[in-house]
Amino acid sequence: MSCSPVVAMRNLRATLVAVVVGIALHFALIPSFEQLAPFATAIAVGCTILFSWIVRDRSKFTRSESDE
């Protein structure tokens, strides 16, 4: 048996971003701009990567004075 992608993801924040982007595309962008429908998956992936990077946890990557 294989896990679903949502269950297999370790980062809840990225999962929530992906769900919100997917819902926004499905209910807002695609009905407004139907000519973008063939590119919906590419737009969703690109936006998810961008927004996940923006809302990432920066505390993991900052140096403390004890690290130096």
C-alpha atoms as a PDB file:
ATOM      1  CA  MET A   1       0.000   0.000   0.000  1.00  0.00           C
ATOM      2  CA  SER A   2       1.204   3.491  -0.736  1.00  0.00           C
ATOM      3  CA  CYS A   3       0.480   6.660   1.224  1.00  0.00           C
ATOM      4  CA  SER A   4      -1.341   9.591  -0.262  1.00  0.00           C
ATOM      5  CA  PRO A   5       0.908  12.598  -0.986  1.00  0.00           C
ATOM      6  CA  VAL A   6      -0.710  14.669   1.763  1.00  0.00           C
ATOM      7  CA  VAL A   7      -0.043  11.999   4.389  1.00  0.00           C
ATOM      8  CA  ALA A   8       3.537  11.525   3.156  1.00  0.00           C
ATOM      9  CA  MET A   9       4.435  15.225   3.371  1.00  0.00           C
ATOM     10  CA  ARG A  10       6.393  16.127   6.475  1.00  0.00           C
ATOM     11  CA  ASN A  11       5.799  19.865   6.339  1.00  0.00           C
ATOM     12  CA  LEU A  12       2.262  20.892   7.278  1.00  0.00           C
ATOM     13  CA  ARG A  13       2.861  24.490   6.153  1.00  0.00           C
ATOM     14  CA  ALA A  14       3.682  23.427   2.570  1.00  0.00           C
ATOM     15  CA  THR A  15       0.626  21.162   2.500  1.00  0.00           C
ATOM     16  CA  LEU A  16      -1.648  23.981   3.621  1.00  0.00           C
ATOM     17  CA  VAL A  17      -0.141  26.344   1.052  1.00  0.00           C
ATOM     18  CA  ALA A  18      -0.730  23.760  -1.694  1.00  0.00           C
ATOM     19  CA  VAL A  19      -4.360  23.267  -0.640  1.00  0.00           C
ATOM     20  CA  VAL A  20      -5.060  27.010  -0.481  1.00  0.00           C
ATOM     21  CA  VAL A  21      -3.408  27.633  -3.865  1.00  0.00           C
ATOM     22  CA  GLY A  22      -5.371  24.778  -5.429  1.00  0.00           C
ATOM     23  CA  ILE A  23      -8.673  26.037  -4.059  1.00  0.00           C
ATOM     24  CA  ALA A  24      -7.902  29.605  -5.127  1.00  0.00           C
ATOM     25  CA  LEU A  25      -7.053  28.501  -8.644  1.00  0.00           C
ATOM     26  CA  HIS A  26     -10.064  26.239  -8.948  1.00  0.00           C
ATOM     27  CA  PHE A  27     -12.648  28.707  -7.666  1.00  0.00           C
ATOM     28  CA  ALA A  28     -11.177  32.137  -8.483  1.00  0.00           C
ATOM     29  CA  LEU A  29      -8.565  32.241 -11.226  1.00  0.00           C
ATOM     30  CA  ILE A  30      -9.743  29.578 -13.685  1.00  0.00           C
ATOM     31  CA  PRO A  31     -13.406  30.692 -13.799  1.00  0.00           C
ATOM     32  CA  SER A  32     -12.264  34.282 -14.326  1.00  0.00           C
ATOM     33  CA  PHE A  33      -9.634  33.469 -16.957  1.00  0.00           C
ATOM     34  CA  GLU A  34     -10.730  30.302 -18.733  1.00  0.00           C
ATOM     35  CA  GLN A  35      -7.882  30.514 -21.235  1.00  0.00           C
ATOM     36  CA  LEU A  36      -5.460  29.671 -18.371  1.00  0.00           C
ATOM     37  CA  ALA A  37      -7.137  26.305 -17.703  1.00  0.00           C
ATOM     38  CA  PRO A  38      -4.597  24.243 -19.710  1.00  0.00           C
ATOM     39  CA  PHE A  39      -1.809  25.699 -17.558  1.00  0.00           C
ATOM     40  CA  ALA A  40      -3.588  25.345 -14.192  1.00  0.00           C
ATOM     41  CA  THR A  41      -1.308  22.590 -12.893  1.00  0.00           C
ATOM     42  CA  ALA A  42       1.854  24.489 -13.817  1.00  0.00           C
ATOM     43  CA  ILE A  43       0.499  27.679 -12.247  1.00  0.00           C
ATOM     44  CA  ALA A  44      -0.463  25.782  -9.070  1.00  0.00           C
ATOM     45  CA  VAL A  45       2.965  24.169  -8.746  1.00  0.00           C
ATOM     46  CA  GLY A  46       4.800  27.444  -9.371  1.00  0.00           C
ATOM     47  CA  CYS A  47       2.634  29.393  -6.927  1.00  0.00           C
ATOM     48  CA  THR A  48       2.938  26.662  -4.294  1.00  0.00           C
ATOM     49  CA  ILE A  49       6.742  26.702  -4.552  1.00  0.00           C
ATOM     50  CA  LEU A  50       6.832  30.495  -4.380  1.00  0.00           C
ATOM     51  CA  PHE A  51       4.394  30.860  -1.468  1.00  0.00           C
ATOM     52  CA  SER A  52       5.976  27.965   0.460  1.00  0.00           C
ATOM     53  CA  TRP A  53       9.338  29.682   0.161  1.00  0.00           C
ATOM     54  CA  ILE A  54       7.859  32.994   1.351  1.00  0.00           C
ATOM     55  CA  VAL A  55       6.171  31.483   4.427  1.00  0.00           C
ATOM     56  CA  ARG A  56       9.009  29.068   5.330  1.00  0.00           C
ATOM     57  CA  ASP A  57      10.308  28.781   8.872  1.00  0.00           C
ATOM     58  CA  ARG A  58      13.365  31.009   8.866  1.00  0.00           C
ATOM     59  CA  SER A  59      14.374  30.151  12.425  1.00  0.00           C
ATOM     60  CA  LYS A  60      15.883  26.854  11.216  1.00  0.00           C
ATOM     61  CA  PHE A  61      18.357  28.688   9.009  1.00  0.00           C
ATOM     62  CA  THR A  62      19.517  31.527  11.222  1.00  0.00           C
ATOM     63  CA  ARG A  63      22.838  31.270  12.989  1.00  0.00           C
ATOM     64  CA  SER A  64      23.111  31.713  16.673  1.00  0.00           C
ATOM     65  CA  GLU A  65      26.205  33.157  18.296  1.00  0.00           C
ATOM     66  CA  SER A  66      27.090  29.742  19.728  1.00  0.00           C
ATOM     67  CA  ASP A  67      27.403  28.292  16.179  1.00  0.00           C
ATOM     68  CA  GLU A  68      30.282  30.563  15.242  1.00  0.00           C
END
